[in-house]
Amino acid sequence: MVHYLQQTGRGRRSESWACYHTDLWQTEVTSIPVGVVGNAVGAPFAVLVAKELFASGCAFLVSVTSAGQLDPVMTLP
């Protein structure tokens, strides 16, 4: 998602994001402000990022993660 926002110019990097190991990308979806943080790998780090988001005013958080290989027939990315 972050790469899409970067490549299409539909997002902008937040200058005030406090979590220095990540970048927060801002965009709008039907006039609603949305923030996207990529590469929050690992549960402890994802929790730290979530805490930073809520401390920064986040009202609703959706976490999208990888579960690994769900079907042995499928090719891994």
C-alpha atoms as a PDB file:
ATOM      1  CA  MET A   1       0.000   0.000   0.000  1.00  0.00           C
ATOM      2  CA  VAL A   2       2.822   2.399   0.861  1.00  0.00           C
ATOM      3  CA  HIS A   3       4.524   1.716  -2.479  1.00  0.00           C
ATOM      4  CA  TYR A   4       1.242   2.394  -4.280  1.00  0.00           C
ATOM      5  CA  LEU A   5       0.806   5.747  -2.489  1.00  0.00           C
ATOM      6  CA  GLN A   6       4.397   6.686  -3.327  1.00  0.00           C
ATOM      7  CA  GLN A   7       4.297   5.606  -6.969  1.00  0.00           C
ATOM      8  CA  THR A   8       0.937   7.168  -7.798  1.00  0.00           C
ATOM      9  CA  GLY A   9       1.505  10.391  -5.885  1.00  0.00           C
ATOM     10  CA  ARG A  10      -1.765   9.821  -3.996  1.00  0.00           C
ATOM     11  CA  GLY A  11      -0.059   9.987  -0.598  1.00  0.00           C
ATOM     12  CA  ARG A  12       2.343  12.258   1.195  1.00  0.00           C
ATOM     13  CA  ARG A  13       4.856  11.420   3.909  1.00  0.00           C
ATOM     14  CA  SER A  14       3.926  12.879   7.287  1.00  0.00           C
ATOM     15  CA  GLU A  15       6.508  15.312   8.603  1.00  0.00           C
ATOM     16  CA  SER A  16       5.175  15.082  12.165  1.00  0.00           C
ATOM     17  CA  TRP A  17       5.101  11.284  12.602  1.00  0.00           C
ATOM     18  CA  ALA A  18       6.984  10.492  15.816  1.00  0.00           C
ATOM     19  CA  CYS A  19       7.840   6.787  15.351  1.00  0.00           C
ATOM     20  CA  TYR A  20      11.316   7.190  13.854  1.00  0.00           C
ATOM     21  CA  HIS A  21      11.696   3.607  12.561  1.00  0.00           C
ATOM     22  CA  THR A  22       8.725   3.958  10.190  1.00  0.00           C
ATOM     23  CA  ASP A  23       7.073   6.457   7.878  1.00  0.00           C
ATOM     24  CA  LEU A  24       3.420   7.432   8.048  1.00  0.00           C
ATOM     25  CA  TRP A  25       1.860   8.074   4.656  1.00  0.00           C
ATOM     26  CA  GLN A  26      -1.247  10.239   4.563  1.00  0.00           C
ATOM     27  CA  THR A  27      -4.030  10.123   1.994  1.00  0.00           C
ATOM     28  CA  GLU A  28      -7.802  10.519   1.826  1.00  0.00           C
ATOM     29  CA  VAL A  29     -10.508   8.008   1.004  1.00  0.00           C
ATOM     30  CA  THR A  30     -13.880   9.616   0.228  1.00  0.00           C
ATOM     31  CA  SER A  31     -12.736  12.756   2.091  1.00  0.00           C
ATOM     32  CA  ILE A  32     -11.737  10.771   5.200  1.00  0.00           C
ATOM     33  CA  PRO A  33      -8.087  11.167   6.270  1.00  0.00           C
ATOM     34  CA  VAL A  34      -6.227   7.856   6.287  1.00  0.00           C
ATOM     35  CA  GLY A  35      -2.716   7.049   7.495  1.00  0.00           C
ATOM     36  CA  VAL A  36      -0.715   4.053   6.289  1.00  0.00           C
ATOM     37  CA  VAL A  37       2.387   2.676   8.019  1.00  0.00           C
ATOM     38  CA  GLY A  38       4.277  -0.035   6.185  1.00  0.00           C
ATOM     39  CA  ASN A  39       6.775  -2.650   7.329  1.00  0.00           C
ATOM     40  CA  ALA A  40       5.742  -2.957  10.975  1.00  0.00           C
ATOM     41  CA  VAL A  41       7.055  -6.536  11.110  1.00  0.00           C
ATOM     42  CA  GLY A  42       6.679  -8.549  14.306  1.00  0.00           C
ATOM     43  CA  ALA A  43       4.023  -8.351  17.000  1.00  0.00           C
ATOM     44  CA  PRO A  44       6.031  -6.293  19.550  1.00  0.00           C
ATOM     45  CA  PHE A  45       6.968  -3.693  16.929  1.00  0.00           C
ATOM     46  CA  ALA A  46       3.419  -3.598  15.542  1.00  0.00           C
ATOM     47  CA  VAL A  47       2.147  -2.878  19.071  1.00  0.00           C
ATOM     48  CA  LEU A  48       4.645  -0.018  19.436  1.00  0.00           C
ATOM     49  CA  VAL A  49       3.478   1.459  16.126  1.00  0.00           C
ATOM     50  CA  ALA A  50      -0.168   1.061  17.188  1.00  0.00           C
ATOM     51  CA  LYS A  51       0.525   2.867  20.469  1.00  0.00           C
ATOM     52  CA  GLU A  52       2.189   5.717  18.558  1.00  0.00           C
ATOM     53  CA  LEU A  53      -0.791   5.916  16.203  1.00  0.00           C
ATOM     54  CA  PHE A  54      -3.302   6.179  19.069  1.00  0.00           C
ATOM     55  CA  ALA A  55      -1.093   8.714  20.884  1.00  0.00           C
ATOM     56  CA  SER A  56      -1.129  10.748  17.667  1.00  0.00           C
ATOM     57  CA  GLY A  57      -4.930  10.796  17.472  1.00  0.00           C
ATOM     58  CA  CYS A  58      -5.780   7.620  15.573  1.00  0.00           C
ATOM     59  CA  ALA A  59      -9.448   6.741  16.112  1.00  0.00           C
ATOM     60  CA  PHE A  60      -9.636   3.459  14.170  1.00  0.00           C
ATOM     61  CA  LEU A  61      -6.839   0.987  13.388  1.00  0.00           C
ATOM     62  CA  VAL A  62      -6.805  -1.822  10.842  1.00  0.00           C
ATOM     63  CA  SER A  63      -3.810  -4.149  10.952  1.00  0.00           C
ATOM     64  CA  VAL A  64      -3.048  -6.150   7.820  1.00  0.00           C
ATOM     65  CA  THR A  65      -0.478  -8.879   8.224  1.00  0.00           C
ATOM     66  CA  SER A  66       0.862 -11.965   6.535  1.00  0.00           C
ATOM     67  CA  ALA A  67       0.006 -15.405   7.840  1.00  0.00           C
ATOM     68  CA  GLY A  68       2.605 -17.238   5.807  1.00  0.00           C
ATOM     69  CA  GLN A  69       1.637 -20.070   3.494  1.00  0.00           C
ATOM     70  CA  LEU A  70      -2.030 -20.926   4.000  1.00  0.00           C
ATOM     71  CA  ASP A  71      -2.283 -23.592   1.306  1.00  0.00           C
ATOM     72  CA  PRO A  72       0.612 -25.914   0.434  1.00  0.00           C
ATOM     73  CA  VAL A  73      -0.469 -25.840  -3.234  1.00  0.00           C
ATOM     74  CA  MET A  74      -0.044 -22.066  -3.506  1.00  0.00           C
ATOM     75  CA  THR A  75       3.290 -20.531  -4.494  1.00  0.00           C
ATOM     76  CA  LEU A  76       4.952 -18.411  -1.824  1.00  0.00           C
ATOM     77  CA  PRO A  77       5.525 -14.744  -2.756  1.00  0.00           C
END
